[in-house]
Amino acid sequence: MKDDSDENFRIAVRDSRLVDPRPTFENLAANTGLSYEEVVHFALVRYAGSGAEALLAVEPAALSELIAARRAGDWDKVGALIDWLEAGLESKEWR
């Protein structure tokens, strides 16, 4: 039997179809004054820019950014990150 190193990725992609990310991106776009397309493009660029690390990451990037902003005393960035995270919670699909 051939070892299938991509099986877990294919399963994760299939399982991701159970979640609709559109409401989160729509809320984020509305909250930032950007278009839906701009926000989706940014998310894809950010993911693709992370390369293979994005597939293996365990620590949430948003949490790392939030901790770094707090340590730097950048309260505007802390607030902006919290607003960004909250936009995902506003989705009726999420709750």
N, C-alpha and C. Protein backbone atom coordinates (compact mmCIF):
# COMPACT_ATOMS: atom_id res chain seq x y z
N MET A 1 0.84 -1.19 0.00
CA MET A 1 0.00 0.00 0.00
C MET A 1 0.88 1.25 0.00
N LYS A 2 0.61 2.17 -0.90
CA LYS A 2 1.40 3.39 -1.04
C LYS A 2 1.07 4.37 0.09
N ASP A 3 2.11 4.98 0.67
CA ASP A 3 1.93 6.00 1.70
C ASP A 3 1.40 7.26 1.03
N ASP A 4 0.30 7.78 1.52
CA ASP A 4 -0.32 8.97 0.95
C ASP A 4 -0.06 10.15 1.88
N SER A 5 1.00 10.91 1.63
CA SER A 5 1.37 12.02 2.49
C SER A 5 0.40 13.21 2.39
N ASP A 6 -0.47 13.23 1.39
CA ASP A 6 -1.40 14.33 1.22
C ASP A 6 -2.81 14.01 1.74
N GLU A 7 -3.00 12.82 2.27
CA GLU A 7 -4.34 12.41 2.70
C GLU A 7 -4.90 13.34 3.78
N ASN A 8 -4.10 13.67 4.78
CA ASN A 8 -4.59 14.55 5.85
C ASN A 8 -5.00 15.92 5.31
N PHE A 9 -4.23 16.43 4.36
CA PHE A 9 -4.57 17.72 3.75
C PHE A 9 -5.89 17.63 3.00
N ARG A 10 -6.06 16.57 2.21
CA ARG A 10 -7.32 16.41 1.47
C ARG A 10 -8.51 16.29 2.42
N ILE A 11 -8.34 15.59 3.53
CA ILE A 11 -9.40 15.46 4.53
C ILE A 11 -9.72 16.83 5.13
N ALA A 12 -8.67 17.58 5.46
CA ALA A 12 -8.89 18.92 6.04
C ALA A 12 -9.61 19.83 5.05
N VAL A 13 -9.25 19.75 3.77
CA VAL A 13 -9.92 20.56 2.75
C VAL A 13 -11.39 20.15 2.64
N ARG A 14 -11.62 18.84 2.61
CA ARG A 14 -13.01 18.36 2.53
C ARG A 14 -13.80 18.83 3.74
N ASP A 15 -13.24 18.69 4.94
CA ASP A 15 -13.93 19.09 6.16
C ASP A 15 -14.18 20.59 6.23
N SER A 16 -13.28 21.37 5.62
CA SER A 16 -13.45 22.82 5.64
C SER A 16 -14.70 23.25 4.89
N ARG A 17 -15.18 22.41 4.00
CA ARG A 17 -16.41 22.73 3.25
C ARG A 17 -17.64 22.78 4.15
N LEU A 18 -17.51 22.29 5.38
CA LEU A 18 -18.62 22.32 6.34
C LEU A 18 -18.80 23.70 6.97
N VAL A 19 -17.84 24.58 6.75
CA VAL A 19 -17.87 25.92 7.33
C VAL A 19 -17.96 26.95 6.21
N ASP A 20 -18.82 27.93 6.38
CA ASP A 20 -18.95 29.01 5.40
C ASP A 20 -18.20 30.23 5.91
N PRO A 21 -17.05 30.56 5.32
CA PRO A 21 -16.29 31.71 5.80
C PRO A 21 -16.83 33.06 5.33
N ARG A 22 -17.78 33.03 4.38
CA ARG A 22 -18.28 34.27 3.79
C ARG A 22 -18.79 35.27 4.84
N PRO A 23 -19.61 34.88 5.82
CA PRO A 23 -20.09 35.88 6.78
C PRO A 23 -18.96 36.57 7.54
N THR A 24 -17.91 35.84 7.88
CA THR A 24 -16.79 36.45 8.59
C THR A 24 -16.11 37.49 7.70
N PHE A 25 -15.85 37.14 6.44
CA PHE A 25 -15.21 38.08 5.52
C PHE A 25 -16.12 39.27 5.23
N GLU A 26 -17.42 39.03 5.11
CA GLU A 26 -18.35 40.14 4.88
C GLU A 26 -18.36 41.10 6.06
N ASN A 27 -18.38 40.55 7.29
CA ASN A 27 -18.36 41.40 8.48
C ASN A 27 -17.05 42.18 8.58
N LEU A 28 -15.95 41.51 8.31
CA LEU A 28 -14.65 42.17 8.36
C LEU A 28 -14.58 43.28 7.32
N ALA A 29 -15.08 43.02 6.14
CA ALA A 29 -15.10 44.05 5.09
C ALA A 29 -15.96 45.24 5.53
N ALA A 30 -17.13 44.95 6.04
CA ALA A 30 -18.03 46.03 6.48
C ALA A 30 -17.42 46.84 7.61
N ASN A 31 -16.74 46.17 8.53
CA ASN A 31 -16.15 46.85 9.68
C ASN A 31 -14.91 47.66 9.34
N THR A 32 -14.27 47.36 8.22
CA THR A 32 -13.03 48.05 7.86
C THR A 32 -13.17 48.98 6.67
N GLY A 33 -14.34 48.97 6.03
CA GLY A 33 -14.54 49.82 4.86
C GLY A 33 -13.90 49.28 3.60
N LEU A 34 -13.53 48.01 3.63
CA LEU A 34 -12.96 47.36 2.45
C LEU A 34 -14.02 46.55 1.74
N SER A 35 -13.74 46.16 0.52
CA SER A 35 -14.68 45.29 -0.19
C SER A 35 -14.45 43.84 0.25
N TYR A 36 -15.45 43.03 0.04
CA TYR A 36 -15.35 41.60 0.33
C TYR A 36 -14.17 41.00 -0.43
N GLU A 37 -14.06 41.36 -1.72
CA GLU A 37 -13.00 40.82 -2.56
C GLU A 37 -11.62 41.19 -2.03
N GLU A 38 -11.46 42.42 -1.52
CA GLU A 38 -10.17 42.84 -0.98
C GLU A 38 -9.80 42.02 0.25
N VAL A 39 -10.77 41.78 1.11
CA VAL A 39 -10.51 41.01 2.34
C VAL A 39 -10.17 39.56 2.00
N VAL A 40 -10.90 38.96 1.09
CA VAL A 40 -10.62 37.57 0.69
C VAL A 40 -9.25 37.49 0.03
N HIS A 41 -8.95 38.45 -0.84
CA HIS A 41 -7.64 38.46 -1.49
C HIS A 41 -6.53 38.55 -0.44
N PHE A 42 -6.69 39.44 0.54
CA PHE A 42 -5.70 39.58 1.60
C PHE A 42 -5.52 38.26 2.35
N ALA A 43 -6.62 37.61 2.69
CA ALA A 43 -6.53 36.34 3.42
C ALA A 43 -5.79 35.29 2.60
N LEU A 44 -6.07 35.22 1.32
CA LEU A 44 -5.39 34.24 0.46
C LEU A 44 -3.91 34.56 0.31
N VAL A 45 -3.58 35.83 0.14
CA VAL A 45 -2.18 36.23 0.02
C VAL A 45 -1.44 35.92 1.31
N ARG A 46 -2.07 36.24 2.43
CA ARG A 46 -1.43 35.98 3.72
C ARG A 46 -1.21 34.47 3.92
N TYR A 47 -2.20 33.68 3.60
CA TYR A 47 -2.06 32.22 3.72
C TYR A 47 -0.97 31.71 2.79
N ALA A 48 -1.04 32.11 1.52
CA ALA A 48 -0.06 31.63 0.54
C ALA A 48 1.34 32.10 0.91
N GLY A 49 1.45 33.29 1.45
CA GLY A 49 2.75 33.81 1.85
C GLY A 49 3.36 33.05 3.01
N SER A 50 2.54 32.40 3.77
CA SER A 50 3.04 31.62 4.90
C SER A 50 3.62 30.29 4.44
N GLY A 51 3.32 29.90 3.22
CA GLY A 51 3.86 28.66 2.67
C GLY A 51 3.47 27.45 3.49
N ALA A 52 4.35 26.49 3.54
CA ALA A 52 4.08 25.23 4.22
C ALA A 52 3.86 25.43 5.71
N GLU A 53 4.44 26.49 6.30
CA GLU A 53 4.25 26.73 7.73
C GLU A 53 2.78 26.91 8.08
N ALA A 54 2.00 27.48 7.16
CA ALA A 54 0.58 27.69 7.43
C ALA A 54 -0.14 26.36 7.60
N LEU A 55 0.32 25.34 6.88
CA LEU A 55 -0.32 24.03 6.98
C LEU A 55 0.03 23.33 8.29
N LEU A 56 1.16 23.69 8.87
CA LEU A 56 1.64 23.00 10.06
C LEU A 56 1.49 23.83 11.33
N ALA A 57 1.05 25.07 11.19
CA ALA A 57 0.99 25.98 12.34
C ALA A 57 0.03 25.46 13.41
N VAL A 58 0.47 25.57 14.64
CA VAL A 58 -0.37 25.19 15.77
C VAL A 58 -0.82 26.44 16.51
N GLU A 59 0.10 27.38 16.66
CA GLU A 59 -0.20 28.61 17.39
C GLU A 59 -0.95 29.57 16.47
N PRO A 60 -2.09 30.10 16.90
CA PRO A 60 -2.84 31.04 16.07
C PRO A 60 -2.05 32.33 15.86
N ALA A 61 -1.90 32.75 14.62
CA ALA A 61 -1.15 33.96 14.30
C ALA A 61 -1.77 35.18 14.96
N ALA A 62 -3.09 35.24 15.01
CA ALA A 62 -3.75 36.40 15.61
C ALA A 62 -3.40 36.53 17.09
N LEU A 63 -3.28 35.41 17.79
CA LEU A 63 -2.91 35.46 19.20
C LEU A 63 -1.48 35.97 19.36
N SER A 64 -0.57 35.52 18.52
CA SER A 64 0.81 35.99 18.57
C SER A 64 0.87 37.50 18.32
N GLU A 65 0.11 37.97 17.34
CA GLU A 65 0.08 39.40 17.04
C GLU A 65 -0.52 40.19 18.20
N LEU A 66 -1.56 39.64 18.83
CA LEU A 66 -2.19 40.31 19.96
C LEU A 66 -1.23 40.42 21.14
N ILE A 67 -0.52 39.35 21.43
CA ILE A 67 0.46 39.36 22.53
C ILE A 67 1.58 40.36 22.23
N ALA A 68 2.08 40.35 21.00
CA ALA A 68 3.16 41.28 20.64
C ALA A 68 2.70 42.73 20.75
N ALA A 69 1.48 43.01 20.31
CA ALA A 69 0.96 44.38 20.40
C ALA A 69 0.80 44.81 21.86
N ARG A 70 0.32 43.91 22.71
CA ARG A 70 0.17 44.24 24.14
C ARG A 70 1.53 44.51 24.75
N ARG A 71 2.50 43.67 24.47
CA ARG A 71 3.86 43.85 25.02
C ARG A 71 4.48 45.16 24.56
N ALA A 72 4.14 45.57 23.35
CA ALA A 72 4.67 46.82 22.80
C ALA A 72 3.86 48.02 23.29
N GLY A 73 2.76 47.77 23.96
CA GLY A 73 1.91 48.87 24.41
C GLY A 73 1.16 49.53 23.27
N ASP A 74 1.01 48.83 22.15
CA ASP A 74 0.31 49.37 20.98
C ASP A 74 -1.18 49.07 21.13
N TRP A 75 -1.85 49.88 21.93
CA TRP A 75 -3.25 49.60 22.28
C TRP A 75 -4.19 49.79 21.10
N ASP A 76 -3.81 50.66 20.15
CA ASP A 76 -4.62 50.78 18.93
C ASP A 76 -4.62 49.48 18.15
N LYS A 77 -3.45 48.85 18.05
CA LYS A 77 -3.36 47.57 17.34
C LYS A 77 -4.09 46.48 18.11
N VAL A 78 -3.97 46.48 19.45
CA VAL A 78 -4.71 45.50 20.26
C VAL A 78 -6.20 45.63 19.97
N GLY A 79 -6.70 46.87 19.97
CA GLY A 79 -8.12 47.09 19.68
C GLY A 79 -8.50 46.65 18.29
N ALA A 80 -7.64 46.94 17.32
CA ALA A 80 -7.93 46.55 15.94
C ALA A 80 -7.96 45.03 15.79
N LEU A 81 -7.05 44.33 16.46
CA LEU A 81 -7.03 42.87 16.40
C LEU A 81 -8.28 42.28 17.05
N ILE A 82 -8.67 42.85 18.17
CA ILE A 82 -9.89 42.37 18.83
C ILE A 82 -11.10 42.62 17.94
N ASP A 83 -11.17 43.79 17.30
CA ASP A 83 -12.28 44.06 16.37
C ASP A 83 -12.29 43.06 15.24
N TRP A 84 -11.11 42.71 14.72
CA TRP A 84 -11.00 41.75 13.62
C TRP A 84 -11.50 40.38 14.07
N LEU A 85 -11.09 39.97 15.28
CA LEU A 85 -11.55 38.68 15.82
C LEU A 85 -13.05 38.70 16.08
N GLU A 86 -13.55 39.81 16.58
CA GLU A 86 -14.98 39.93 16.88
C GLU A 86 -15.83 39.83 15.62
N ALA A 87 -15.29 40.32 14.50
CA ALA A 87 -16.04 40.25 13.24
C ALA A 87 -16.42 38.82 12.91
N GLY A 88 -15.54 37.87 13.25
CA GLY A 88 -15.85 36.45 13.02
C GLY A 88 -16.94 35.95 13.94
N LEU A 89 -17.01 36.50 15.15
CA LEU A 89 -18.04 36.06 16.10
C LEU A 89 -19.41 36.60 15.74
N GLU A 90 -19.46 37.68 14.99
CA GLU A 90 -20.74 38.29 14.62
C GLU A 90 -21.53 37.43 13.63
N SER A 91 -20.88 36.45 13.06
CA SER A 91 -21.55 35.58 12.10
C SER A 91 -22.60 34.72 12.80
N LYS A 92 -23.81 34.74 12.28
CA LYS A 92 -24.88 33.89 12.83
C LYS A 92 -24.59 32.42 12.58
N GLU A 93 -23.78 32.14 11.55
CA GLU A 93 -23.43 30.77 11.22
C GLU A 93 -22.49 30.17 12.24
N TRP A 94 -21.71 31.02 12.92
CA TRP A 94 -20.68 30.55 13.84
C TRP A 94 -21.26 30.07 15.15
N ARG A 95 -22.32 30.67 15.61
CA ARG A 95 -22.87 30.38 16.93
C ARG A 95 -23.86 29.24 16.90
